[in-house]
N, C-alpha and C. Protein backbone atom coordinates (compact mmCIF):
# COMPACT_ATOMS: atom_id res chain seq x y z
N ILE A 1 -7.99 -35.76 -34.80
CA ILE A 1 -6.63 -34.84 -34.97
C ILE A 1 -7.15 -33.37 -34.23
N VAL A 2 -8.56 -33.04 -34.40
CA VAL A 2 -9.28 -31.63 -34.02
C VAL A 2 -9.14 -32.18 -32.27
N ILE A 3 -9.44 -32.77 -31.92
CA ILE A 3 -9.66 -33.29 -30.53
C ILE A 3 -8.16 -32.99 -29.77
N ALA A 4 -7.10 -33.25 -30.31
CA ALA A 4 -5.69 -33.28 -30.09
C ALA A 4 -5.28 -31.77 -30.21
N ILE A 5 -5.34 -31.08 -31.31
CA ILE A 5 -5.59 -29.60 -31.36
C ILE A 5 -6.33 -29.02 -30.18
N ILE A 6 -7.48 -29.05 -29.91
CA ILE A 6 -8.06 -28.71 -28.80
C ILE A 6 -7.54 -28.93 -27.95
N ALA A 7 -7.13 -29.81 -27.31
CA ALA A 7 -6.67 -30.37 -26.09
C ALA A 7 -5.31 -29.66 -26.15
N ILE A 8 -4.32 -29.50 -26.89
CA ILE A 8 -3.34 -28.62 -27.00
C ILE A 8 -3.78 -26.85 -26.67
N LEU A 9 -4.50 -26.46 -27.25
CA LEU A 9 -4.98 -25.20 -27.27
C LEU A 9 -5.23 -25.03 -25.69
N ALA A 10 -6.23 -25.80 -25.15
CA ALA A 10 -6.68 -25.27 -23.91
C ALA A 10 -5.54 -25.81 -22.48
N GLY A 11 -4.54 -26.47 -23.16
CA GLY A 11 -3.70 -26.68 -22.30
C GLY A 11 -2.65 -25.64 -22.25
N VAL A 12 -2.35 -24.90 -23.29
CA VAL A 12 -1.28 -23.62 -23.29
C VAL A 12 -2.55 -22.16 -22.57
N PHE A 13 -3.73 -22.37 -22.88
CA PHE A 13 -4.38 -21.28 -22.31
C PHE A 13 -4.63 -21.44 -20.63
N LEU A 14 -4.82 -22.89 -20.10
CA LEU A 14 -4.92 -23.15 -18.54
C LEU A 14 -3.12 -22.88 -18.08
N THR A 15 -2.67 -22.83 -18.86
CA THR A 15 -0.77 -23.01 -18.23
C THR A 15 -1.01 -21.05 -18.19
N GLY A 16 -0.99 -20.62 -19.20
CA GLY A 16 -1.02 -19.06 -19.19
C GLY A 16 -1.84 -18.25 -17.91
N PHE A 17 -3.18 -19.27 -18.23
CA PHE A 17 -4.06 -17.95 -17.33
C PHE A 17 -3.59 -18.79 -15.50
N GLY A 18 -3.01 -19.57 -15.68
CA GLY A 18 -2.08 -19.76 -14.07
C GLY A 18 -1.31 -18.75 -13.79
N GLY A 19 -0.68 -18.50 -14.83
CA GLY A 19 0.93 -17.37 -14.42
C GLY A 19 0.31 -16.17 -14.33
N PHE A 20 -1.30 -15.60 -15.00
CA PHE A 20 -1.86 -14.22 -14.68
C PHE A 20 -2.33 -14.40 -13.66
N ARG A 21 -2.80 -15.17 -12.91
CA ARG A 21 -3.67 -15.54 -12.09
C ARG A 21 -2.53 -15.57 -10.63
N GLN A 22 -1.19 -15.94 -10.95
CA GLN A 22 -0.14 -15.43 -10.00
C GLN A 22 0.07 -14.07 -9.96
N ASN A 23 -0.07 -13.64 -11.42
CA ASN A 23 0.46 -11.88 -10.82
C ASN A 23 -0.38 -11.26 -10.48
N ALA A 24 -1.80 -11.45 -10.73
CA ALA A 24 -3.27 -10.58 -10.21
C ALA A 24 -2.77 -10.83 -8.49
N GLN A 25 -2.45 -12.55 -8.38
CA GLN A 25 -2.38 -12.24 -6.72
C GLN A 25 -1.50 -11.15 -5.96
N ASP A 26 0.09 -11.67 -6.69
CA ASP A 26 0.93 -10.82 -6.47
C ASP A 26 0.78 -9.32 -6.05
N SER A 27 -0.06 -8.72 -7.34
CA SER A 27 -0.13 -7.36 -7.10
C SER A 27 -1.18 -7.23 -6.44
N ARG A 28 -2.28 -7.80 -6.15
CA ARG A 28 -3.09 -7.61 -4.76
C ARG A 28 -2.41 -7.52 -3.44
N ARG A 29 -1.38 -8.51 -3.21
CA ARG A 29 -0.31 -8.47 -1.81
C ARG A 29 0.35 -7.49 -1.95
N ILE A 30 0.64 -7.04 -3.14
CA ILE A 30 1.74 -5.60 -2.98
C ILE A 30 0.54 -4.34 -2.54
N ALA A 31 -0.62 -4.42 -3.18
CA ALA A 31 -1.55 -3.29 -2.99
C ALA A 31 -1.93 -3.22 -1.59
N ASP A 32 -2.46 -4.80 -0.83
CA ASP A 32 -2.58 -4.74 0.53
C ASP A 32 -1.47 -4.10 1.40
N LEU A 33 -0.10 -4.65 1.21
CA LEU A 33 0.89 -4.17 1.77
C LEU A 33 1.06 -2.27 2.03
N SER A 34 0.79 -2.09 1.12
CA SER A 34 1.17 -0.29 0.71
C SER A 34 -0.50 0.02 1.57
N ASN A 35 -1.72 -0.36 1.67
CA ASN A 35 -2.62 0.02 2.53
C ASN A 35 -2.48 -0.01 3.71
N MET A 36 -1.87 -1.22 4.27
CA MET A 36 -1.39 -1.57 5.99
C MET A 36 -0.52 -0.53 6.18
N ARG A 37 0.66 -0.12 5.38
CA ARG A 37 1.43 1.02 5.44
C ARG A 37 0.82 2.27 6.12
N ASN A 38 -0.47 2.53 5.52
CA ASN A 38 -1.24 3.73 5.35
C ASN A 38 -2.03 3.64 6.82
N TYR A 39 -2.68 2.42 7.04
CA TYR A 39 -3.18 2.37 8.38
C TYR A 39 -2.24 2.17 9.30
N LEU A 40 -1.18 1.88 9.20
CA LEU A 40 -0.41 1.91 10.52
C LEU A 40 0.26 3.35 10.50
N GLU A 41 0.25 4.07 9.29
CA GLU A 41 0.80 5.64 9.75
C GLU A 41 -0.50 6.69 10.63
N SER A 42 -1.42 6.07 9.82
CA SER A 42 -2.90 6.67 10.99
C SER A 42 -2.92 6.36 12.13
N HIS A 43 -2.63 5.17 12.59
CA HIS A 43 -2.59 4.78 13.79
C HIS A 43 -1.49 5.38 14.31
N TYR A 44 -0.16 5.65 14.31
CA TYR A 44 1.18 6.11 14.81
C TYR A 44 0.39 7.66 15.08
N ALA A 45 -0.03 8.21 14.06
CA ALA A 45 -0.44 9.52 13.79
C ALA A 45 -1.40 10.02 15.36
N LYS A 46 -2.28 8.77 15.58
CA LYS A 46 -3.16 8.83 16.47
C LYS A 46 -2.99 8.66 17.84
N THR A 47 -2.13 7.59 18.24
CA THR A 47 -1.57 7.12 19.46
C THR A 47 0.18 7.27 19.53
N ARG A 48 0.96 7.54 18.64
CA ARG A 48 2.30 7.44 18.73
C ARG A 48 2.73 6.49 19.05
N THR A 49 1.80 5.52 18.82
CA THR A 49 2.92 3.92 18.73
C THR A 49 2.49 3.36 17.37
N TYR A 50 2.53 1.96 17.04
CA TYR A 50 2.44 0.95 16.04
C TYR A 50 1.41 0.08 17.02
N PRO A 51 0.60 -1.01 16.27
CA PRO A 51 0.08 -1.37 17.15
C PRO A 51 0.69 -2.70 17.46
N ALA A 52 0.20 -3.73 18.36
CA ALA A 52 1.39 -4.79 18.58
C ALA A 52 0.85 -5.91 17.51
N THR A 53 -0.48 -5.89 17.23
CA THR A 53 -0.88 -6.53 16.11
C THR A 53 -1.44 -5.93 15.35
N LEU A 54 -1.47 -6.81 13.78
CA LEU A 54 -2.68 -5.81 12.76
C LEU A 54 -4.17 -6.06 13.44
N ALA A 55 -4.60 -6.52 14.28
CA ALA A 55 -5.49 -6.45 14.39
C ALA A 55 -5.95 -5.55 15.73
N GLY A 56 -4.96 -4.51 15.87
CA GLY A 56 -5.10 -3.45 16.86
C GLY A 56 -5.51 -1.98 15.59
N LEU A 57 -5.51 -2.54 14.73
CA LEU A 57 -5.88 -1.49 13.55
C LEU A 57 -7.27 -1.15 13.67
N LEU A 58 -8.05 -2.68 13.78
CA LEU A 58 -9.72 -2.47 13.96
C LEU A 58 -10.24 -1.79 15.46
N THR A 59 -9.70 -1.56 16.08
CA THR A 59 -10.46 -0.89 17.27
C THR A 59 -9.52 0.68 18.09
N ALA A 60 -8.37 1.01 16.79
CA ALA A 60 -7.92 2.39 16.76
C ALA A 60 -8.82 3.68 16.57
N GLY A 61 -9.99 3.53 16.03
CA GLY A 61 -10.56 4.73 15.70
C GLY A 61 -10.33 4.92 14.41
N ILE A 62 -10.02 4.68 13.31
CA ILE A 62 -8.83 5.17 11.95
C ILE A 62 -9.67 4.95 10.77
N GLY A 63 -10.77 3.98 11.19
CA GLY A 63 -11.69 3.60 10.06
C GLY A 63 -11.45 2.65 9.14
N VAL A 64 -10.51 1.96 9.81
CA VAL A 64 -10.13 0.74 9.66
C VAL A 64 -11.29 -0.82 9.75
N ASN A 65 -12.14 -1.23 8.76
CA ASN A 65 -12.47 -2.27 9.29
C ASN A 65 -12.57 -3.54 9.30
N SER A 66 -11.59 -3.91 8.18
CA SER A 66 -11.01 -5.37 8.05
C SER A 66 -9.40 -5.32 7.54
N VAL A 67 -8.69 -6.18 8.20
CA VAL A 67 -7.10 -6.03 8.11
C VAL A 67 -7.19 -7.02 6.90
N PRO A 68 -6.58 -6.39 5.65
CA PRO A 68 -6.44 -7.52 4.57
C PRO A 68 -5.46 -8.72 4.52
N VAL A 69 -5.93 -9.57 4.05
CA VAL A 69 -5.57 -11.19 4.18
C VAL A 69 -4.95 -11.53 2.76
N ASP A 70 -3.72 -12.63 2.97
CA ASP A 70 -3.54 -13.09 1.69
C ASP A 70 -4.36 -13.46 0.71
N PRO A 71 -4.66 -13.44 -0.45
CA PRO A 71 -5.69 -13.46 -1.39
C PRO A 71 -5.93 -15.01 -1.48
N ALA A 72 -4.53 -15.78 -1.83
CA ALA A 72 -4.49 -17.11 -2.28
C ALA A 72 -5.06 -17.88 -0.57
N THR A 73 -4.23 -17.55 -0.48
CA THR A 73 -4.26 -18.30 1.26
C THR A 73 -5.70 -18.49 2.13
N GLY A 74 -6.12 -17.00 2.46
CA GLY A 74 -6.40 -16.32 3.27
C GLY A 74 -5.88 -16.00 4.93
N ALA A 75 -4.41 -16.43 4.55
CA ALA A 75 -3.29 -16.08 5.67
C ALA A 75 -3.28 -14.76 5.91
N ALA A 76 -3.12 -14.34 7.09
CA ALA A 76 -2.61 -13.04 7.89
C ALA A 76 -1.25 -12.95 7.08
N TYR A 77 -0.90 -11.31 6.84
CA TYR A 77 0.26 -10.95 6.36
C TYR A 77 1.45 -10.91 7.23
N LEU A 78 2.14 -11.05 7.06
CA LEU A 78 3.51 -10.96 8.21
C LEU A 78 3.25 -9.40 8.59
N TYR A 79 3.60 -9.38 10.16
CA TYR A 79 3.78 -7.97 10.74
C TYR A 79 4.65 -8.28 11.70
N GLY A 80 5.56 -7.44 12.33
CA GLY A 80 6.33 -7.24 13.44
C GLY A 80 6.52 -5.75 13.93
N THR A 81 6.49 -5.46 15.08
CA THR A 81 6.68 -4.30 15.35
C THR A 81 7.62 -3.94 16.89
N ASP A 82 7.96 -2.54 17.20
CA ASP A 82 8.82 -2.64 18.46
C ASP A 82 8.00 -1.54 19.02
N SER A 83 6.92 -1.20 18.90
CA SER A 83 6.05 -0.09 19.10
C SER A 83 6.66 1.49 18.39
N GLN A 84 7.67 1.41 17.38
CA GLN A 84 7.87 2.53 16.99
C GLN A 84 8.44 2.45 15.36
N ASN A 85 8.67 1.22 15.13
CA ASN A 85 9.43 0.90 14.02
C ASN A 85 8.12 -0.59 13.65
N TYR A 86 7.98 -0.82 12.48
CA TYR A 86 7.06 -2.03 11.81
C TYR A 86 7.88 -2.38 10.54
N VAL A 87 7.50 -3.55 10.26
CA VAL A 87 7.87 -4.23 8.86
C VAL A 87 6.47 -4.99 8.90
N VAL A 88 6.03 -4.86 7.37
CA VAL A 88 4.64 -6.00 7.00
C VAL A 88 5.19 -6.84 5.92
N GLY A 89 4.33 -7.96 5.62
CA GLY A 89 5.37 -8.69 4.40
C GLY A 89 4.40 -9.61 4.09
N ALA A 90 4.68 -9.93 2.72
CA ALA A 90 3.72 -11.48 2.07
C ALA A 90 4.88 -11.77 1.35
N THR A 91 4.36 -13.26 0.78
CA THR A 91 5.43 -13.97 0.17
C THR A 91 4.39 -13.84 -1.16
N LEU A 92 5.62 -13.84 -2.30
CA LEU A 92 5.16 -13.69 -3.53
C LEU A 92 5.10 -14.58 -4.10
N ASN A 93 5.07 -14.78 -5.31
CA ASN A 93 5.17 -16.12 -6.57
C ASN A 93 7.08 -15.89 -6.60
N THR A 94 7.48 -17.04 -6.48
CA THR A 94 8.79 -17.16 -7.33
C THR A 94 9.24 -16.34 -8.47
N GLY A 95 10.05 -15.12 -8.49
CA GLY A 95 10.17 -15.00 -9.56
C GLY A 95 9.94 -13.50 -10.06
N ASN A 96 8.75 -13.31 -9.10
CA ASN A 96 7.99 -11.56 -9.19
C ASN A 96 9.22 -10.68 -9.34
N ALA A 97 9.24 -9.97 -10.28
CA ALA A 97 10.08 -8.54 -10.20
C ALA A 97 9.87 -8.02 -9.39
N ALA A 98 9.17 -7.65 -8.45
CA ALA A 98 8.81 -6.96 -7.26
C ALA A 98 10.01 -7.41 -6.15
N LEU A 99 10.57 -8.36 -6.21
CA LEU A 99 11.76 -8.78 -5.43
C LEU A 99 12.51 -8.24 -5.17
N THR A 100 12.75 -7.50 -6.94
CA THR A 100 14.30 -6.52 -6.83
C THR A 100 14.10 -5.32 -6.55
N ASP A 101 12.71 -4.59 -6.24
CA ASP A 101 12.65 -3.20 -5.98
C ASP A 101 13.50 -2.70 -4.58
N PRO A 102 13.67 -1.68 -4.66
CA PRO A 102 14.63 -1.04 -3.63
C PRO A 102 13.35 -1.03 -2.24
N ALA A 103 12.39 -0.85 -2.51
CA ALA A 103 11.55 -0.92 -1.42
C ALA A 103 11.51 -1.75 -0.54
N ASP A 104 11.57 -3.15 -1.37
CA ASP A 104 11.59 -4.73 -0.46
C ASP A 104 12.98 -4.76 0.11
N VAL A 105 12.56 -4.95 1.71
CA VAL A 105 13.38 -5.21 2.56
C VAL A 105 13.97 -6.70 2.61
N ASP A 106 15.26 -6.81 2.79
CA ASP A 106 15.40 -8.46 2.73
C ASP A 106 16.39 -8.49 4.22
N GLY A 107 16.48 -9.59 4.61
CA GLY A 107 16.78 -10.21 5.70
C GLY A 107 16.00 -10.15 6.76
N THR A 108 16.33 -10.29 7.80
CA THR A 108 15.31 -10.44 9.16
C THR A 108 15.10 -9.10 10.15
N VAL A 109 13.88 -8.24 9.46
CA VAL A 109 13.21 -7.05 10.52
C VAL A 109 12.32 -7.10 11.63
N GLN A 110 12.13 -6.81 12.27
CA GLN A 110 11.93 -6.73 13.66
C GLN A 110 11.11 -8.31 13.90
N GLY A 111 12.02 -9.41 13.83
CA GLY A 111 11.65 -10.52 13.97
C GLY A 111 10.75 -11.13 12.76
N ILE A 112 10.67 -10.67 11.52
CA ILE A 112 10.19 -11.31 10.19
C ILE A 112 10.97 -11.31 9.18
N GLY A 113 11.19 -12.70 8.77
CA GLY A 113 12.37 -13.23 8.12
C GLY A 113 11.70 -12.34 6.31
N CYS A 114 12.13 -11.32 5.93
CA CYS A 114 12.27 -11.04 4.71
C CYS A 114 12.95 -11.32 3.74
N VAL A 115 13.73 -12.82 3.69
CA VAL A 115 14.35 -13.15 2.94
C VAL A 115 13.41 -13.47 1.46
N ASP A 116 13.76 -13.47 0.31
CA ASP A 116 12.61 -13.56 -0.89
C ASP A 116 12.32 -15.26 -0.66
N PRO A 117 11.07 -15.44 -0.91
CA PRO A 117 10.28 -14.77 -1.65
C PRO A 117 9.06 -13.94 -1.12
N VAL A 118 9.87 -13.57 0.13
CA VAL A 118 9.21 -12.93 1.13
C VAL A 118 9.35 -11.04 0.62
N TYR A 119 8.23 -10.44 0.53
CA TYR A 119 8.36 -8.86 -0.14
C TYR A 119 7.83 -8.23 1.24
N CYS A 120 8.92 -7.14 2.05
CA CYS A 120 8.56 -6.78 2.61
C CYS A 120 8.82 -5.41 2.79
N LEU A 121 7.91 -4.44 3.43
CA LEU A 121 7.99 -3.20 3.36
C LEU A 121 8.05 -2.25 5.25
N ARG A 122 8.97 -1.16 5.51
CA ARG A 122 9.00 -0.95 6.40
C ARG A 122 8.86 0.69 6.72
N ASN A 123 8.65 0.77 7.79
CA ASN A 123 8.63 2.52 8.01
C ASN A 123 9.75 2.88 7.95
């Protein structure tokens, strides 16, 4: 009986911890997108255009040493630009409340599919 109780408690804990980890990853993704917006605006202030790729932030002389990547997958975040406008996006875990945030852009923007669960920000 004791082993069964421990197994049940461990299952509940691990299930709850998984949700906590997903929320933490989504918070990190949203913070990364916000930071990238700042980097992109710094790039624009210096060059009067947005970089063709996020890697262009590294060579712009604006103090960016690395471009953030998705904390769970290590994949690059979504980015699209026409040099005067941009959108950055990340795929969040389904059901995240941020997907109802008015700042979240939906639809196709700068060639990026910003349909939920993709959270997108633009200038």
